[in-house]
Protein backbone atom coordinates (compact mmCIF):
# COMPACT_ATOMS: atom_id res chain seq x y z
CA MET A 1 2.74 2.46 21.76
CA ASN A 2 2.84 -0.79 19.76
CA TYR A 3 -0.53 -3.07 18.72
CA LYS A 4 -1.05 -6.00 16.85
CA ILE A 5 -3.73 -7.35 14.82
CA LEU A 6 -4.98 -10.53 16.53
CA PRO A 7 -7.82 -13.49 16.10
CA LEU A 8 -10.87 -12.45 17.94
CA TYR A 9 -10.66 -15.27 20.18
CA ALA A 10 -7.15 -14.26 20.91
CA ALA A 11 -8.30 -10.68 21.79
CA VAL A 12 -10.99 -12.24 24.85
CA ALA A 13 -8.28 -14.25 25.77
CA LEU A 14 -6.11 -11.29 26.22
CA LEU A 15 -8.76 -9.37 28.00
CA SER A 16 -9.82 -11.57 30.31
CA PHE A 17 -6.42 -13.12 31.44
CA SER A 18 -4.77 -9.57 31.59
CA SER A 19 -1.75 -10.59 33.30
CA CYS A 20 -0.56 -13.30 30.81
CA LYS A 21 0.97 -11.86 27.77
CA ASN A 22 0.15 -13.02 24.26
CA GLN A 23 2.99 -14.75 23.08
CA ASP A 24 1.86 -14.29 19.27
CA LYS A 25 4.44 -12.13 17.18
CA LYS A 26 2.17 -11.37 14.56
CA ALA A 27 -1.38 -11.99 13.42
CA SER A 28 -3.85 -11.13 10.55
CA GLU A 29 -7.44 -10.46 11.71
CA ASN A 30 -8.97 -7.61 12.65
CA VAL A 31 -9.49 -6.74 16.67
CA GLN A 32 -6.58 -4.32 17.44
CA VAL A 33 -5.48 -4.92 21.01
CA GLU A 34 -2.72 -2.35 22.50
CA GLU A 35 0.11 -3.45 24.05
CA THR A 36 0.73 -1.58 27.27
CA SER A 37 2.63 -2.90 30.83
CA GLN A 38 -0.84 -4.56 31.63
CA GLY A 39 -2.26 -5.73 28.15
CA ASP A 40 -5.20 -4.79 28.61
CA SER A 41 -6.14 -1.30 26.72
CA ILE A 42 -8.02 -1.15 23.48
CA SER A 43 -6.36 1.00 20.75
CA GLN A 44 -8.68 4.69 19.87
CA ILE A 45 -7.11 4.07 16.47
CA THR A 46 -7.87 0.83 15.11
CA ILE A 47 -7.50 -0.81 11.37
CA GLU A 48 -9.06 -4.13 10.02
CA PRO A 49 -9.01 -6.24 6.91
CA LEU A 50 -11.58 -4.49 4.08
CA LEU A 51 -12.94 -7.82 2.55
CA ASP A 52 -15.11 -8.54 -0.36
CA SER A 53 -14.05 -6.54 -3.14
CA PRO A 54 -14.26 -7.65 -6.82
CA ALA A 55 -11.13 -9.71 -7.24
CA PHE A 56 -10.31 -9.36 -10.60
CA SER A 57 -8.08 -11.84 -10.54
CA ASP A 58 -7.37 -12.38 -13.95
CA ALA A 59 -6.96 -9.00 -14.89
CA LYS A 60 -3.73 -7.85 -16.95
CA LEU A 61 -1.72 -4.94 -16.91
CA SER A 62 1.33 -4.91 -19.86
CA LEU A 63 3.62 -1.97 -21.14
CA THR A 64 3.96 -1.92 -24.97
CA ALA A 65 6.20 0.82 -24.89
CA PRO A 66 8.58 2.04 -24.54
CA SER A 67 10.54 -1.25 -24.86
CA GLY A 68 13.94 0.07 -23.64
CA ASP A 69 15.43 1.12 -20.63
CA GLN A 70 17.85 4.24 -21.88
CA PHE A 71 16.41 7.50 -23.08
CA SER A 72 17.80 10.36 -23.98
CA LYS A 73 15.24 12.76 -23.71
CA ASN A 74 13.06 13.65 -20.60
CA THR A 75 9.86 12.94 -21.60
CA ILE A 76 8.58 9.58 -22.13
CA ASP A 77 5.47 8.53 -23.67
CA PHE A 78 4.00 5.47 -22.13
CA LYS A 79 1.85 2.62 -23.71
CA PHE A 80 -0.21 -0.06 -21.48
CA GLU A 81 -2.46 -2.84 -22.44
CA VAL A 82 -4.96 -3.44 -19.94
CA GLU A 83 -6.81 -6.81 -20.46
CA ASN A 84 -9.98 -7.83 -18.49
CA TYR A 85 -10.17 -4.42 -16.90
CA GLU A 86 -12.15 -1.60 -17.85
CA LEU A 87 -10.61 2.02 -17.01
CA GLY A 88 -12.59 4.42 -16.63
CA ALA A 89 -15.78 1.98 -14.84
CA GLN A 90 -16.93 2.16 -11.42
CA THR A 91 -16.05 -0.65 -9.22
CA ASP A 92 -18.75 -2.06 -7.78
CA LYS A 93 -18.96 -1.61 -3.77
CA ASN A 94 -20.38 -2.86 -0.51
CA GLU A 95 -21.30 -1.16 2.24
CA ILE A 96 -17.64 -0.32 3.66
CA THR A 97 -16.17 0.68 -0.32
CA LYS A 98 -19.02 2.85 -0.04
CA THR A 99 -17.55 4.80 2.40
CA LEU A 100 -14.32 5.32 1.03
CA ALA A 101 -13.06 8.00 -1.14
CA ASN A 102 -13.81 7.38 -4.62
CA SER A 103 -12.83 8.45 -7.99
CA ASP A 104 -15.57 9.62 -10.49
CA LYS A 105 -13.68 9.04 -13.21
CA GLY A 106 -13.71 5.32 -12.56
CA GLN A 107 -11.13 2.31 -12.31
CA HIS A 108 -7.46 3.64 -13.84
CA ILE A 109 -3.30 3.03 -13.39
CA HIS A 110 -1.52 4.15 -10.39
CA PHE A 111 1.62 5.10 -11.47
CA ILE A 112 4.34 5.57 -9.27
CA VAL A 113 8.22 6.55 -9.78
CA ASP A 114 11.05 6.25 -7.25
CA ASN A 115 7.93 5.40 -4.68
CA ASN A 116 6.73 8.83 -4.43
CA PRO A 117 2.52 9.63 -4.43
CA TYR A 118 1.00 7.82 -7.48
CA SER A 119 -0.30 9.74 -10.60
CA ALA A 120 -3.74 8.49 -11.54
CA HIS A 121 -4.78 7.22 -15.27
CA TYR A 122 -7.85 7.10 -16.66
CA GLU A 123 -6.17 6.41 -20.51
CA PRO A 124 -3.83 3.51 -21.41
CA ASN A 125 -1.62 6.00 -22.89
CA PHE A 126 0.32 8.96 -21.87
CA SER A 127 3.40 11.06 -21.28
CA LYS A 128 5.70 11.63 -18.46
CA ASP A 129 8.82 13.90 -17.72
CA PHE A 130 11.87 12.63 -15.56
CA SER A 131 14.49 14.23 -14.38
CA GLU A 132 17.93 13.20 -15.68
CA GLY A 133 19.28 9.74 -13.79
CA THR A 134 17.71 6.54 -12.63
CA HIS A 135 14.38 6.17 -11.97
CA HIS A 136 12.27 3.03 -10.75
CA ILE A 137 8.62 2.53 -11.90
CA VAL A 138 6.00 0.74 -10.73
CA ALA A 139 2.71 0.72 -11.88
CA PHE A 140 -0.49 -1.40 -11.52
CA LEU A 141 -4.49 -1.53 -11.85
CA SER A 142 -6.79 0.56 -9.51
CA ARG A 143 -10.02 -0.09 -8.05
CA SER A 144 -11.95 3.28 -8.29
CA TYR A 145 -12.06 3.31 -4.69
CA HIS A 146 -8.08 3.37 -5.33
CA GLU A 147 -7.38 -0.23 -4.11
CA SER A 148 -5.01 -1.88 -5.91
CA VAL A 149 -5.84 -5.44 -7.99
CA LYS A 150 -3.06 -7.36 -6.49
CA ASN A 151 -2.46 -10.61 -8.87
CA ALA A 152 0.52 -11.64 -10.75
CA ASN A 153 -0.20 -9.87 -14.05
CA SER A 154 -1.84 -6.57 -12.60
CA PHE A 155 1.25 -4.73 -12.42
CA VAL A 156 4.66 -3.68 -14.39
CA ALA A 157 8.04 -2.89 -12.59
CA LYS A 158 10.92 -1.34 -14.73
CA THR A 159 13.91 0.41 -14.19
CA ILE A 160 14.99 3.39 -16.80
CA GLU A 161 17.82 5.60 -17.05
CA VAL A 162 17.33 8.96 -18.32
CA GLY A 163 20.21 11.81 -19.88
CA ASN A 164 23.52 10.92 -20.59
CA SER A 165 25.05 11.11 -17.10
CA PRO A 166 26.76 8.69 -15.58
CA GLN A 167 24.15 5.92 -13.85
CA ARG A 168 23.20 6.81 -10.22
CA GLN A 169 24.00 4.40 -7.61
CA SER A 170 20.92 3.60 -6.47
CA ASN A 171 19.69 0.65 -3.19
CA VAL A 172 16.41 -0.30 -4.92
CA ASP A 173 16.35 -3.61 -6.82
CA LEU A 174 12.61 -4.54 -7.86
CA ASN A 175 13.79 -7.89 -8.60
CA LYS A 176 13.95 -7.99 -4.84
CA PRO A 177 11.63 -7.71 -1.86
CA THR A 178 9.83 -4.49 -2.29
CA LEU A 179 7.06 -2.49 -0.50
CA ILE A 180 5.68 0.53 -2.64
CA TYR A 181 3.22 2.55 -0.42
CA SER A 182 -0.19 3.41 -2.16
CA ARG A 183 -2.62 4.82 0.62
CA PRO A 184 -4.07 6.76 2.04
CA LYS A 185 -2.74 9.58 -0.22
CA GLY A 186 -3.08 13.65 0.09
CA GLU A 187 -6.31 15.37 1.74
CA TYR A 188 -9.75 13.81 2.91
CA THR A 189 -12.62 15.95 3.96
CA GLY A 190 -16.05 15.26 5.43
CA LYS A 191 -17.60 11.94 5.44
CA ASP A 192 -14.12 10.76 3.79
CA THR A 193 -12.30 11.02 6.70
CA GLN A 194 -14.19 8.26 8.80
CA ASN A 195 -12.78 5.44 6.84
CA LEU A 196 -8.98 6.04 5.67
CA MET A 197 -8.22 2.79 3.10
CA LEU A 198 -4.40 1.23 3.73
CA ASP A 199 -3.02 0.01 0.89
CA PHE A 200 0.42 -0.75 -0.29
CA PHE A 201 1.60 -3.03 -3.34
CA LEU A 202 4.07 -5.94 -2.62
CA LEU A 203 7.15 -7.31 -4.99
CA ASN A 204 9.05 -10.35 -4.66
CA THR A 205 7.93 -11.19 -1.20
CA GLU A 206 4.92 -12.40 0.79
CA LEU A 207 3.46 -11.92 3.98
CA SER A 208 3.06 -14.38 6.80
CA GLU A 209 2.57 -14.85 10.59
CA ASN A 210 6.32 -16.52 10.95
CA GLY A 211 7.88 -14.79 7.68
CA ASN A 212 8.24 -11.00 6.54
CA TYR A 213 5.53 -8.61 7.71
CA VAL A 214 4.49 -4.87 7.33
CA LYS A 215 4.57 -2.58 10.31
CA ALA A 216 2.29 0.04 9.74
CA THR A 217 3.14 3.08 12.29
CA ILE A 218 -0.07 5.42 12.36
CA ASN A 219 0.41 8.82 14.63
CA GLY A 220 3.17 6.74 16.92
CA GLU A 221 0.58 3.64 17.25
CA SER A 222 2.05 0.26 15.65
CA PHE A 223 0.40 -2.69 13.71
CA GLU A 224 1.67 -5.49 12.48
CA ILE A 225 0.24 -6.55 9.07
CA THR A 226 0.61 -10.48 8.14
CA LYS A 227 -1.66 -10.67 4.83
CA TRP A 228 -1.18 -8.83 2.09
CA GLN A 229 -4.39 -6.87 1.79
CA PRO A 230 -6.23 -3.50 1.96
CA TYR A 231 -7.08 -2.59 5.63
CA ILE A 232 -9.44 0.28 6.80
CA ILE A 233 -8.20 2.89 9.37
CA LYS A 234 -10.51 4.04 11.58
CA GLY A 235 -10.24 6.60 14.82
CA LEU A 236 -8.70 9.08 13.69
CA PRO A 237 -8.52 12.82 14.91
CA LYS A 238 -8.69 15.57 12.22
CA GLY A 239 -5.33 17.12 11.72
CA GLU A 240 -2.07 15.86 9.95
CA VAL A 241 -1.68 12.09 10.08
CA LYS A 242 1.42 10.38 9.69
CA ILE A 243 2.14 7.29 8.55
CA ARG A 244 5.16 4.92 8.34
CA LEU A 245 5.69 1.59 6.47
CA GLN A 246 8.06 -1.00 7.04
CA LEU A 247 9.04 -4.33 5.32
CA LEU A 248 10.73 -6.21 8.02
CA ASP A 249 11.74 -9.85 8.21
CA ALA A 250 10.69 -13.17 10.63
CA ASP A 251 13.04 -11.88 13.19
CA GLY A 252 11.97 -7.91 12.80
CA LYS A 253 14.84 -6.64 11.38
CA PRO A 254 14.61 -4.25 8.14
CA ILE A 255 15.06 -5.83 4.42
CA GLU A 256 17.42 -3.94 2.56
CA GLY A 257 16.12 -1.44 -0.13
CA ASP A 258 15.45 2.49 0.17
CA TYR A 259 11.59 1.56 -0.68
CA ASN A 260 10.93 -0.64 2.36
CA ASP A 261 10.39 2.05 4.78
CA VAL A 262 8.69 5.05 4.08
CA THR A 263 6.67 7.67 5.64
CA ARG A 264 3.62 9.65 4.45
CA ASN A 265 1.78 12.48 5.99
CA VAL A 266 -2.12 13.01 4.98
CA SER A 267 -4.40 15.66 5.97
CA LEU A 268 -7.99 15.16 7.92
CA LYS A 269 -10.31 18.22 7.69
């Protein structure tokens, strides 16, 4: 099934005039309408924007070491500098974010290697082990409830070579439009299963109703996201949840890049 996130007035019109099909391809508000042949059913699974988190618009993350991009050893020491942001602090929460899975260790860095699930780091200096070959690293600041800080200086993107083997070919260029999956992740239990946050990071692209957008498919139901912000997923059943994110152009065609189509499974118990 395919869903679009439609403005409230559009949803009302669609429900009132079910024989008329919505011509808008994409929108970015918080009413989810199921596109069936009748066009008049409401989705059980919904997503809605997560609003009013602390902005941290001047927060900055910089990588001070290592400075190079080729390494003979598999263990690499990373040193980050964090400005206008406190690692380990609890993020101020509103009525919605109080319901989200939250780290009791506070604000942190999401460190992502090769678009695999992130590791969380609460100190700016740490070491990581790498296999031999090419690796793509994206790190960004995260609120205590795992929402990424989205500004021009809140992230680091870097490609490295590890070992002495020839460079492996990779269809990843962190200087081109790139989608990085972040949340949801892992296993959720108890009250944390009621509201799951959908969040991702973008490099070198913007989303809009008439341009690039992200298609989110959740347990087979699809939503078109035209604004870069976190979303709350509601109505999920207990058990395994399959989430697929795709970065698409204005014509609905995939944007080249290995990370621009990613599928993750999470568990609700």
